[in-house]
Protein backbone atom coordinates (compact mmCIF):
# COMPACT_ATOMS: atom_id res chain seq x y z
CA MET A 1 175.68 133.50 73.31
CA GLY A 2 175.79 137.31 72.68
CA TYR A 3 176.72 140.06 69.96
CA VAL A 4 178.95 142.78 71.03
CA VAL A 5 178.21 145.83 70.28
CA GLY A 6 180.47 148.74 71.33
CA ASP A 7 181.14 148.03 74.72
CA THR A 8 177.70 146.38 75.15
CA THR A 9 176.75 142.68 74.71
CA LEU A 10 173.55 141.96 73.76
CA GLU A 11 171.62 138.71 74.40
CA THR A 12 170.36 136.03 72.55
CA ASP A 13 168.52 132.85 72.74
CA ALA A 14 170.45 129.39 71.56
CA GLU A 15 169.67 130.33 67.95
CA GLY A 16 170.69 133.43 67.78
CA TYR A 17 167.66 135.70 67.93
CA LEU A 18 167.94 138.55 70.56
CA LEU A 19 166.18 138.32 73.81
CA GLU A 20 164.87 142.11 73.09
CA PRO A 21 164.34 144.04 69.70
CA ASN A 22 167.31 146.33 69.06
CA PHE A 23 166.46 149.00 66.30
CA GLU A 24 169.64 150.24 65.87
CA ASP A 25 171.94 149.40 62.73
CA GLU A 26 175.19 148.55 64.05
CA ILE A 27 173.43 145.84 65.21
CA VAL A 28 172.41 144.66 61.97
CA GLY A 29 176.24 144.57 60.39
CA VAL A 30 177.14 142.08 63.62
CA ILE A 31 174.41 140.11 63.19
CA ALA A 32 174.84 140.03 59.48
CA GLU A 33 178.47 138.82 59.72
CA ALA A 34 178.02 136.61 61.80
CA GLU A 35 175.34 135.14 59.51
CA ASN A 36 177.74 135.09 56.80
CA ILE A 37 175.51 137.30 54.73
CA SER A 38 177.13 140.60 52.96
CA LEU A 39 174.76 143.20 53.27
CA THR A 40 173.31 144.93 50.42
CA PRO A 41 171.09 148.01 49.75
CA THR A 42 168.04 145.15 49.47
CA HIS A 43 169.07 143.46 52.61
CA TRP A 44 168.76 146.63 54.14
CA LEU A 45 164.91 147.31 52.49
CA ILE A 46 163.98 144.10 54.11
CA VAL A 47 165.89 144.59 57.09
CA GLN A 48 163.61 148.11 57.42
CA TYR A 49 160.41 146.21 56.53
CA MET A 50 161.14 143.55 59.12
CA ARG A 51 161.42 146.18 61.86
CA ASP A 52 158.20 148.29 60.76
CA ALA A 53 156.13 145.48 60.70
CA TYR A 54 157.55 144.06 64.34
CA ARG A 55 156.55 147.84 65.76
CA GLU A 56 153.20 147.87 64.25
CA HIS A 57 151.96 144.06 65.09
CA GLY A 58 154.24 143.43 67.95
CA HIS A 59 155.87 140.25 65.98
CA THR A 60 157.74 139.72 62.81
CA PRO A 61 155.32 138.64 59.68
CA ASN A 62 155.54 134.78 58.22
CA PHE A 63 156.98 134.25 54.61
CA ARG A 64 153.61 134.30 52.67
CA ASN A 65 152.74 137.52 54.34
CA MET A 66 156.24 138.80 54.29
CA LEU A 67 156.31 138.15 50.49
CA LYS A 68 153.07 139.66 49.89
CA ASP A 69 153.86 143.02 51.13
CA ILE A 70 157.38 143.22 50.03
CA GLN A 71 155.99 142.87 46.40
CA GLU A 72 153.98 146.16 47.22
CA PHE A 73 157.22 147.65 46.81
CA MET A 74 159.04 145.55 44.70
CA PRO A 75 156.92 143.46 42.42
CA ASP A 76 159.56 141.52 40.84
CA ALA A 77 159.98 140.04 44.27
CA ASP A 78 159.42 135.80 44.55
CA SER A 79 160.79 132.96 46.76
CA LYS A 80 163.71 132.82 45.05
CA PHE A 81 164.66 136.53 44.99
CA LEU A 82 164.22 136.26 49.22
CA TYR A 83 166.13 132.88 49.60
CA ASP A 84 168.86 134.35 47.50
CA LEU A 85 168.75 137.20 50.12
CA PHE A 86 168.23 135.23 53.47
CA PRO A 87 169.09 131.21 52.28
CA LEU A 88 168.24 129.93 55.72
CA GLY A 89 164.99 131.17 55.33
CA PRO A 90 163.63 134.96 54.93
CA ALA A 91 160.88 135.44 57.41
CA LYS A 92 163.01 133.72 60.33
CA GLN A 93 166.89 134.85 59.20
CA ALA A 94 166.04 138.71 58.24
CA ALA A 95 164.04 138.83 61.70
CA LYS A 96 167.33 137.48 63.03
CA ILE A 97 169.24 140.39 61.48
CA ALA A 98 167.20 143.14 62.07
CA GLY A 99 167.55 142.60 65.87
CA LEU A 100 164.39 141.28 66.42
CA PRO A 101 163.39 138.02 68.90
CA GLN A 102 162.85 134.91 67.46
CA PRO A 103 159.43 134.64 65.39
CA TYR A 104 156.50 132.74 66.57
CA GLY A 105 156.23 130.20 63.77
CA LYS A 106 153.90 127.83 62.62
CA GLY A 107 150.32 128.71 64.30
CA GLY A 108 151.27 131.71 66.83
CA TYR A 109 150.59 134.14 63.79
């Protein structure tokens, strides 16, 4: 499987996560469409947060840290809010849509 952006096919793992991070905005729309997510400005804020966290730490945050960090710039955000945006799991689905590799998962943070 892979995502096609322009003339380039980007390689993914079996679950559709990019093997290498891609910070181009075009990939976000391609992956969001494949995930049946209609992007809103709020989705883009979360995507940018995930990309910034990945650049800073070398991996994406787990859900607890993601929620805590997002509440710093969106004080009313809660678990339901994030699951409404990313119904398959905010920490994993947001990372995928942001064009990042698959998160480590439990114990890997």
